[in-house]
């Protein structure tokens, strides 16, 4: 218990002062059919800001699908999933068929409508981020090129249809522009995210219409995993930091620097609620087993053959660390990308808990020490030599959203 309390306490501190541990990794662009289908499912099953993880296994006569998310499953979620499942099963009964014929089917049109409505809030959120990026750099040549392309493709006024049309435009534009080195990678990421919904629907329809998947789609065995959550007691932020900075003057300087940085202060308020009081006393936080680890812990007993877990959001630093740890134990596990970020609400899995925790505590210490050393070195530099606020903001912006 003592070690767990120390682990979660240091995680909160490390995540508050250094949210991005390293650069995000790209997902594999050469995914097999099953892995790609899992990614498409994760995309259309995620709504709002939640993360969804999917593992798909093809048996002799069915698909076995494990699905988890970070929050509880609601009645509307179950209704939607059952509808998607029913449509896929129904279309596959008439396989094989051409893609054009599949798109003409009423049930496929119903699938498009259901997905766009269910994911509407997340699509709108991603569209807003794209619009903001365009508004900030509208004079850039590649922005003008995209806008001109979109104007030739979109001629609908209905809000619902416009979202689908925008997703289609972004999907098509990304396919023809993704290798263009003159276009901002960040802009292309925004384009790709908006286009992912149309792309997923195209891929799913293309898959379900084929003869070779007919037996698997005839029976889809879905396992919806309940979220695993609890409350965890942690030491105060001050307690942990003072273990690394025993000299009062240096400690006060470091605390002042953190509170003056708007991004760090925002994270401190998110973790400790009130930075005036709770940074000085023990606190209780809500922790959740991330969706990809929830799926992973449910399929670990199926042996050490290759397993792929698709995620609607790239998995965090600790999830990636845990998966890498399992690989050292002989498990062959891959995920569809990592963002290398630290989340204070992350929960330890039960499997290999003590061993993983011991290894990771050392890494958390290194993260905290490196950030303290970074700011300690700044003390000796004059304002003319170093602009703190600008450098921190630029540093944060280097990480994927």
Protein backbone atom coordinates (compact mmCIF):
# COMPACT_ATOMS: atom_id res chain seq x y z
CA UNK A 1 0.00 0.00 0.00
CA UNK A 2 2.84 2.38 0.84
CA UNK A 3 4.49 1.78 -2.52
CA UNK A 4 1.20 2.29 -4.39
CA UNK A 5 0.58 5.56 -2.59
CA UNK A 6 4.07 6.71 -3.47
CA UNK A 7 3.60 5.62 -7.11
CA UNK A 8 0.35 7.52 -7.60
CA UNK A 9 1.70 10.55 -5.72
CA UNK A 10 4.75 10.78 -7.97
CA UNK A 11 2.61 10.20 -11.04
CA UNK A 12 0.49 13.23 -10.08
CA UNK A 13 3.58 15.37 -9.56
CA UNK A 14 5.32 14.20 -12.74
CA UNK A 15 2.16 14.67 -14.82
CA UNK A 16 1.59 18.16 -13.44
CA UNK A 17 5.07 19.49 -14.23
CA UNK A 18 5.82 17.50 -17.41
CA UNK A 19 2.69 16.38 -19.25
CA UNK A 20 4.49 15.23 -22.40
CA UNK A 21 7.32 12.81 -21.69
CA UNK A 22 8.42 12.30 -25.28
CA UNK A 23 7.20 12.78 -28.84
CA UNK A 24 4.13 10.88 -29.93
CA UNK A 25 4.59 7.83 -32.15
CA UNK A 26 2.74 7.30 -35.41
CA UNK A 27 0.41 4.39 -35.84
CA UNK A 28 1.43 1.67 -38.29
CA UNK A 29 0.31 2.69 -41.77
CA UNK A 30 0.46 -0.89 -43.08
CA UNK A 31 -2.17 -2.48 -40.87
CA UNK A 32 -3.64 -5.84 -41.81
CA UNK A 33 -7.35 -6.18 -42.58
CA UNK A 34 -8.32 -7.23 -39.05
CA UNK A 35 -6.23 -4.55 -37.34
CA UNK A 36 -7.55 -1.90 -39.69
CA UNK A 37 -11.13 -3.00 -39.06
CA UNK A 38 -10.47 -2.73 -35.30
CA UNK A 39 -9.23 0.84 -35.76
CA UNK A 40 -12.34 1.70 -37.76
CA UNK A 41 -14.56 0.28 -35.01
CA UNK A 42 -12.70 2.31 -32.37
CA UNK A 43 -13.29 5.46 -34.42
CA UNK A 44 -17.04 5.03 -34.83
CA UNK A 45 -17.57 3.85 -31.22
CA UNK A 46 -15.96 6.89 -29.58
CA UNK A 47 -18.06 9.91 -28.77
CA UNK A 48 -17.26 13.19 -27.02
CA UNK A 49 -13.83 13.07 -25.33
CA UNK A 50 -13.85 9.42 -24.26
CA UNK A 51 -11.32 6.83 -25.35
CA UNK A 52 -12.43 3.50 -26.79
CA UNK A 53 -10.25 0.40 -27.20
CA UNK A 54 -11.05 -2.59 -29.41
CA UNK A 55 -9.54 -6.05 -29.79
CA UNK A 56 -10.84 -8.23 -32.62
CA UNK A 57 -10.24 -11.94 -32.92
CA UNK A 58 -11.38 -14.03 -35.85
CA UNK A 59 -12.47 -17.54 -34.92
CA UNK A 60 -13.54 -20.26 -37.34
CA UNK A 61 -17.15 -19.09 -37.49
CA UNK A 62 -17.37 -15.67 -35.82
CA UNK A 63 -15.78 -12.41 -34.75
CA UNK A 64 -14.99 -12.11 -31.05
CA UNK A 65 -14.75 -8.44 -30.10
CA UNK A 66 -13.66 -6.90 -26.79
CA UNK A 67 -14.59 -3.25 -26.35
CA UNK A 68 -13.81 -0.94 -23.43
CA UNK A 69 -14.04 2.76 -22.75
CA UNK A 70 -13.04 4.99 -19.85
CA UNK A 71 -16.63 5.68 -18.74
CA UNK A 72 -19.75 3.62 -18.10
CA UNK A 73 -21.78 2.21 -20.96
CA UNK A 74 -25.12 3.99 -21.33
CA UNK A 75 -28.39 2.69 -22.74
CA UNK A 76 -27.92 4.72 -25.92
CA UNK A 77 -24.45 3.19 -26.34
CA UNK A 78 -25.87 -0.33 -26.21
CA UNK A 79 -28.65 0.59 -28.64
CA UNK A 80 -26.13 2.05 -31.07
CA UNK A 81 -23.70 -0.88 -30.85
CA UNK A 82 -26.49 -3.39 -31.39
CA UNK A 83 -27.67 -1.42 -34.41
CA UNK A 84 -24.18 -1.37 -35.93
CA UNK A 85 -23.80 -5.08 -35.22
CA UNK A 86 -27.17 -5.86 -36.81
CA UNK A 87 -26.43 -3.88 -39.97
CA UNK A 88 -23.02 -5.50 -40.46
CA UNK A 89 -24.50 -8.97 -40.01
CA UNK A 90 -27.37 -8.19 -42.36
CA UNK A 91 -25.17 -6.81 -45.15
CA UNK A 92 -22.73 -9.72 -44.93
CA UNK A 93 -25.54 -12.22 -45.57
CA UNK A 94 -25.77 -10.92 -49.14
CA UNK A 95 -22.02 -10.91 -49.73
CA UNK A 96 -20.27 -10.84 -52.08
CA UNK A 97 -21.39 -7.62 -53.78
CA UNK A 98 -19.77 -4.62 -55.39
CA UNK A 99 -18.94 -1.59 -53.27
CA UNK A 100 -21.31 0.50 -55.38
CA UNK A 101 -24.18 -1.91 -54.70
CA UNK A 102 -23.39 -1.93 -50.98
CA UNK A 103 -23.58 1.87 -50.86
CA UNK A 104 -27.01 1.76 -52.49
CA UNK A 105 -28.46 -0.39 -49.71
CA UNK A 106 -30.81 1.28 -47.23
CA UNK A 107 -29.20 -0.47 -44.25
CA UNK A 108 -25.77 0.89 -45.24
CA UNK A 109 -27.31 4.37 -45.49
CA UNK A 110 -28.79 3.78 -42.02
CA UNK A 111 -25.30 2.88 -40.78
CA UNK A 112 -23.90 6.17 -42.10
CA UNK A 113 -26.71 8.13 -40.43
CA UNK A 114 -26.29 6.30 -37.11
CA UNK A 115 -22.49 6.81 -37.03
CA UNK A 116 -22.66 10.49 -37.91
CA UNK A 117 -25.29 11.15 -35.25
CA UNK A 118 -23.55 9.14 -32.54
CA UNK A 119 -20.18 10.77 -33.22
CA UNK A 120 -21.65 14.20 -33.94
CA UNK A 121 -20.15 15.99 -30.92
CA UNK A 122 -16.66 14.64 -31.53
CA UNK A 123 -16.83 15.45 -35.25
CA UNK A 124 -17.91 18.99 -34.41
CA UNK A 125 -15.07 19.32 -31.90
CA UNK A 126 -12.53 18.23 -34.51
CA UNK A 127 -14.10 20.51 -37.11
CA UNK A 128 -13.82 23.45 -34.71
CA UNK A 129 -10.10 22.73 -34.21
CA UNK A 130 -9.64 22.57 -37.98
CA UNK A 131 -11.53 25.87 -38.43
CA UNK A 132 -9.39 27.54 -35.78
CA UNK A 133 -6.20 26.35 -37.46
CA UNK A 134 -7.46 27.66 -40.81
CA UNK A 135 -8.46 31.02 -39.29
CA UNK A 136 -5.01 31.45 -37.72
CA UNK A 137 -3.12 30.69 -40.98
CA UNK A 138 -5.63 31.44 -43.72
CA UNK A 139 -3.00 33.20 -45.87
CA UNK A 140 -0.87 30.07 -46.16
CA UNK A 141 -0.83 28.61 -49.67
CA UNK A 142 -1.80 25.10 -48.54
CA UNK A 143 -4.77 26.51 -46.56
CA UNK A 144 -6.05 28.32 -49.62
CA UNK A 145 -5.55 25.17 -51.67
CA UNK A 146 -7.64 23.13 -49.23
CA UNK A 147 -10.42 25.75 -49.10
CA UNK A 148 -10.60 25.91 -52.88
CA UNK A 149 -10.79 22.11 -53.00
CA UNK A 150 -13.55 22.02 -50.36
CA UNK A 151 -15.65 24.68 -52.14
CA UNK A 152 -15.80 22.55 -55.27
CA UNK A 153 -17.05 19.55 -53.29
CA UNK A 154 -19.51 20.91 -50.73
CA UNK A 155 -22.78 22.40 -51.89
CA UNK A 156 -25.16 21.44 -49.05
CA UNK A 157 -26.66 23.72 -46.41
CA UNK A 158 -28.03 21.08 -44.01
CA UNK A 159 -25.79 20.90 -40.92
CA UNK A 160 -25.92 17.12 -40.62
CA UNK A 161 -25.15 16.51 -44.30
CA UNK A 162 -22.42 19.14 -44.19
CA UNK A 163 -20.57 17.23 -41.45
CA UNK A 164 -20.59 14.10 -43.58
CA UNK A 165 -19.55 16.10 -46.63
CA UNK A 166 -16.70 17.75 -44.73
CA UNK A 167 -15.50 14.39 -43.46
CA UNK A 168 -15.52 13.08 -47.03
CA UNK A 169 -13.66 16.13 -48.34
CA UNK A 170 -11.02 15.86 -45.60
CA UNK A 171 -10.60 12.13 -46.23
CA UNK A 172 -10.11 12.65 -49.97
CA UNK A 173 -7.83 15.68 -49.51
CA UNK A 174 -5.65 13.80 -47.03
CA UNK A 175 -5.20 10.90 -49.46
CA UNK A 176 -3.85 13.19 -52.19
CA UNK A 177 -1.84 15.51 -49.91
CA UNK A 178 -0.41 13.37 -47.08
CA UNK A 179 3.02 13.08 -48.74
CA UNK A 180 3.27 16.77 -49.63
CA UNK A 181 6.21 18.11 -47.61
CA UNK A 182 5.10 21.72 -48.15
CA UNK A 183 1.97 21.21 -46.04
CA UNK A 184 2.10 21.55 -42.25
CA UNK A 185 2.02 18.15 -40.53
CA UNK A 186 -0.21 19.58 -37.82
CA UNK A 187 -2.70 20.77 -40.44
CA UNK A 188 -2.68 17.33 -42.06
CA UNK A 189 -3.37 15.75 -38.65
CA UNK A 190 -6.47 17.92 -38.29
CA UNK A 191 -7.57 16.98 -41.82
CA UNK A 192 -6.97 13.30 -41.13
CA UNK A 193 -8.99 13.32 -37.89
CA UNK A 194 -12.04 14.94 -39.51
CA UNK A 195 -11.78 12.59 -42.48
CA UNK A 196 -11.42 9.49 -40.31
CA UNK A 197 -15.20 9.06 -39.97
CA UNK A 198 -15.90 8.89 -43.70
CA UNK A 199 -12.79 6.74 -44.15
CA UNK A 200 -13.90 4.31 -41.44
CA UNK A 201 -17.36 3.96 -42.96
CA UNK A 202 -15.83 3.27 -46.37
CA UNK A 203 -13.46 0.64 -44.98
CA UNK A 204 -16.15 -1.09 -42.90
CA UNK A 205 -18.53 -1.25 -45.87
CA UNK A 206 -15.76 -2.52 -48.13
CA UNK A 207 -14.95 -5.25 -45.61
CA UNK A 208 -18.47 -6.46 -44.87
CA UNK A 209 -19.39 -6.80 -48.57
CA UNK A 210 -16.68 -9.41 -49.21
CA UNK A 211 -17.19 -13.16 -49.34
CA UNK A 212 -14.16 -14.04 -47.20
CA UNK A 213 -15.57 -12.29 -44.11
CA UNK A 214 -19.10 -13.68 -44.48
CA UNK A 215 -18.74 -16.45 -41.91
CA UNK A 216 -17.17 -14.12 -39.35
CA UNK A 217 -19.86 -11.43 -39.69
CA UNK A 218 -22.64 -14.03 -39.47
CA UNK A 219 -21.98 -14.19 -35.74
CA UNK A 220 -20.35 -11.28 -33.90
CA UNK A 221 -19.66 -12.01 -30.24
CA UNK A 222 -19.28 -8.63 -28.48
CA UNK A 223 -17.92 -8.24 -24.96
CA UNK A 224 -18.48 -4.76 -23.50
CA UNK A 225 -16.11 -4.31 -20.56
CA UNK A 226 -17.19 -2.22 -17.61
CA UNK A 227 -14.74 0.51 -16.53
CA UNK A 228 -12.56 -0.30 -13.53
CA UNK A 229 -12.23 2.69 -11.20
CA UNK A 230 -11.40 3.50 -7.60
CA UNK A 231 -10.26 6.34 -5.35
CA UNK A 232 -6.61 6.57 -4.37
CA UNK A 233 -4.98 8.49 -1.53
CA UNK A 234 -1.86 10.46 -2.51
CA UNK A 235 0.79 12.50 -0.71
CA UNK A 236 0.78 16.25 -1.15
CA UNK A 237 2.61 17.87 -4.07
CA UNK A 238 4.82 19.72 -1.61
CA UNK A 239 5.76 16.51 0.20
CA UNK A 240 6.98 14.84 -3.01
CA UNK A 241 8.81 17.88 -4.38
CA UNK A 242 10.62 18.49 -1.08
CA UNK A 243 12.10 14.99 -1.33
CA UNK A 244 13.84 16.16 -4.50
CA UNK A 245 14.54 19.76 -3.37
CA UNK A 246 15.44 19.76 0.35
CA UNK A 247 16.78 23.34 0.30
CA UNK A 248 13.83 25.69 1.15
CA UNK A 249 14.95 28.55 -1.11
CA UNK A 250 15.29 26.29 -4.16
CA UNK A 251 11.97 24.63 -3.38
CA UNK A 252 10.17 27.99 -3.14
CA UNK A 253 11.72 29.12 -6.42
CA UNK A 254 10.63 25.95 -8.22
CA UNK A 255 7.09 26.20 -6.83
CA UNK A 256 6.88 29.84 -7.91
CA UNK A 257 8.04 28.99 -11.42
CA UNK A 258 5.40 26.24 -11.70
CA UNK A 259 2.57 28.46 -10.48
CA UNK A 260 3.56 31.24 -12.87
CA UNK A 261 3.38 28.91 -15.87
CA UNK A 262 -0.23 28.89 -17.08
CA UNK A 263 -0.10 25.33 -18.45
CA UNK A 264 1.47 23.81 -15.33
CA UNK A 265 -0.89 25.77 -13.08
CA UNK A 266 -3.88 24.50 -15.04
CA UNK A 267 -2.71 20.91 -14.58
CA UNK A 268 -2.05 21.48 -10.87
CA UNK A 269 -5.61 22.77 -10.46
CA UNK A 270 -6.91 19.72 -12.32
CA UNK A 271 -5.05 17.30 -10.05
CA UNK A 272 -5.25 19.04 -6.68
CA UNK A 273 -8.49 21.04 -7.09
CA UNK A 274 -7.37 23.90 -4.86
CA UNK A 275 -3.69 24.71 -5.30
CA UNK A 276 -3.81 26.97 -2.26
CA UNK A 277 -4.59 24.13 0.15
CA UNK A 278 -4.46 20.69 -1.44
CA UNK A 279 -0.91 21.04 -2.73
CA UNK A 280 0.03 21.12 0.96
CA UNK A 281 -1.94 18.13 2.22
CA UNK A 282 -2.81 14.55 1.33
CA UNK A 283 -5.54 14.21 -1.23
CA UNK A 284 -7.78 11.58 -2.80
CA UNK A 285 -7.96 11.22 -6.59
CA UNK A 286 -10.21 9.19 -8.87
CA UNK A 287 -8.27 6.69 -10.99
CA UNK A 288 -9.40 4.53 -13.91
CA UNK A 289 -7.87 1.58 -15.73
CA UNK A 290 -7.41 2.96 -19.23
CA UNK A 291 -9.54 1.32 -21.89
CA UNK A 292 -6.65 -0.36 -23.74
CA UNK A 293 -5.39 -1.95 -20.52
CA UNK A 294 -8.92 -3.03 -19.61
CA UNK A 295 -9.08 -4.89 -22.91
CA UNK A 296 -5.54 -6.19 -22.49
CA UNK A 297 -6.12 -7.68 -19.04
CA UNK A 298 -9.17 -9.52 -20.42
CA UNK A 299 -7.30 -11.15 -23.30
CA UNK A 300 -3.96 -11.92 -21.61
CA UNK A 301 -5.07 -15.43 -20.65
CA UNK A 302 -5.63 -16.29 -24.33
CA UNK A 303 -1.95 -17.09 -24.73
CA UNK A 304 1.02 -15.17 -26.07
CA UNK A 305 0.08 -15.10 -29.76
CA UNK A 306 0.07 -11.71 -31.48
CA UNK A 307 -2.63 -9.32 -30.24
CA UNK A 308 -3.55 -5.91 -31.62
CA UNK A 309 -5.50 -3.30 -29.66
CA UNK A 310 -6.99 -0.37 -31.54
CA UNK A 311 -7.57 2.88 -29.66
CA UNK A 312 -9.61 5.93 -30.63
CA UNK A 313 -6.93 8.06 -28.94
CA UNK A 314 -3.23 7.23 -28.91
CA UNK A 315 -2.34 5.49 -25.68
CA UNK A 316 -0.49 7.37 -22.96
CA UNK A 317 3.07 7.05 -21.70
CA UNK A 318 2.21 4.61 -18.89
CA UNK A 319 -0.02 2.41 -21.05
CA UNK A 320 2.78 2.18 -23.61
CA UNK A 321 5.27 1.48 -20.80
CA UNK A 322 3.09 -1.33 -19.44
CA UNK A 323 2.67 -2.88 -22.89
CA UNK A 324 6.42 -2.68 -23.45
CA UNK A 325 6.89 -4.32 -20.03
CA UNK A 326 4.58 -7.20 -21.07
CA UNK A 327 6.54 -7.64 -24.28
CA UNK A 328 9.60 -8.31 -22.13
CA UNK A 329 7.54 -11.15 -20.59
CA UNK A 330 6.92 -12.70 -24.00
CA UNK A 331 3.52 -11.17 -24.82
CA UNK A 332 3.21 -9.99 -28.44
CA UNK A 333 1.06 -6.89 -28.13
CA UNK A 334 0.80 -3.82 -30.34
CA UNK A 335 -1.38 -0.71 -30.23
CA UNK A 336 -2.37 1.81 -32.89
CA UNK A 337 -0.15 4.65 -31.65
CA UNK A 338 1.03 6.42 -28.49
CA UNK A 339 0.96 10.06 -27.36
CA UNK A 340 3.60 9.80 -24.58
CA UNK A 341 1.54 11.88 -22.15
CA UNK A 342 1.18 11.44 -18.39
CA UNK A 343 -2.35 11.31 -16.95
CA UNK A 344 -2.75 11.54 -13.19
CA UNK A 345 -5.94 9.43 -13.23
CA UNK A 346 -4.12 6.38 -14.61
CA UNK A 347 -4.69 3.08 -12.73
CA UNK A 348 -2.22 0.21 -12.34
CA UNK A 349 -3.35 -3.15 -13.78
CA UNK A 350 -3.32 -6.06 -11.34
CA UNK A 351 -1.11 -8.32 -13.47
CA UNK A 352 2.58 -7.91 -12.58
CA UNK A 353 1.63 -4.87 -10.52
CA UNK A 354 4.51 -4.86 -8.03
CA UNK A 355 7.22 -5.52 -10.59
CA UNK A 356 5.96 -2.91 -13.04
CA UNK A 357 5.41 -0.37 -10.28
CA UNK A 358 8.98 -0.75 -9.00
CA UNK A 359 10.43 -0.24 -12.48
CA UNK A 360 8.19 2.71 -13.26
CA UNK A 361 8.79 4.49 -9.97
CA UNK A 362 12.41 4.86 -11.04
CA UNK A 363 11.28 6.41 -14.35
CA UNK A 364 8.90 8.80 -12.59
CA UNK A 365 11.79 9.90 -10.37
CA UNK A 366 13.86 10.62 -13.48
CA UNK A 367 11.05 12.66 -15.03
CA UNK A 368 10.65 14.78 -11.89
CA UNK A 369 14.41 15.20 -11.46
CA UNK A 370 14.92 16.24 -15.08
CA UNK A 371 12.22 18.91 -14.84
CA UNK A 372 13.61 20.25 -11.57
CA UNK A 373 17.12 20.30 -13.01
CA UNK A 374 15.82 22.09 -16.10
CA UNK A 375 14.40 24.91 -13.99
CA UNK A 376 17.32 24.96 -11.58
CA UNK A 377 19.67 25.66 -14.49
CA UNK A 378 17.53 28.64 -15.43
CA UNK A 379 18.33 30.36 -12.15
CA UNK A 380 21.83 31.19 -13.39
CA UNK A 381 20.61 32.62 -16.69
CA UNK A 382 19.56 36.22 -17.09
CA UNK A 383 16.24 37.27 -18.58
CA UNK A 384 18.06 38.39 -21.71
CA UNK A 385 19.50 34.93 -22.18
CA UNK A 386 16.26 33.03 -21.59
CA UNK A 387 12.60 33.80 -22.03
CA UNK A 388 10.93 31.23 -19.77
CA UNK A 389 7.25 31.60 -20.64
CA UNK A 390 7.75 31.51 -24.41
CA UNK A 391 10.08 28.51 -24.26
CA UNK A 392 7.68 26.45 -22.16
CA UNK A 393 4.74 27.18 -24.46
CA UNK A 394 6.81 26.30 -27.53
CA UNK A 395 7.98 23.12 -25.82
CA UNK A 396 4.42 22.04 -25.04
CA UNK A 397 3.27 22.81 -28.59
CA UNK A 398 5.74 20.29 -29.98
CA UNK A 399 3.60 17.46 -28.65
CA UNK A 400 0.61 15.96 -30.44
CA UNK A 401 -2.88 17.03 -29.45
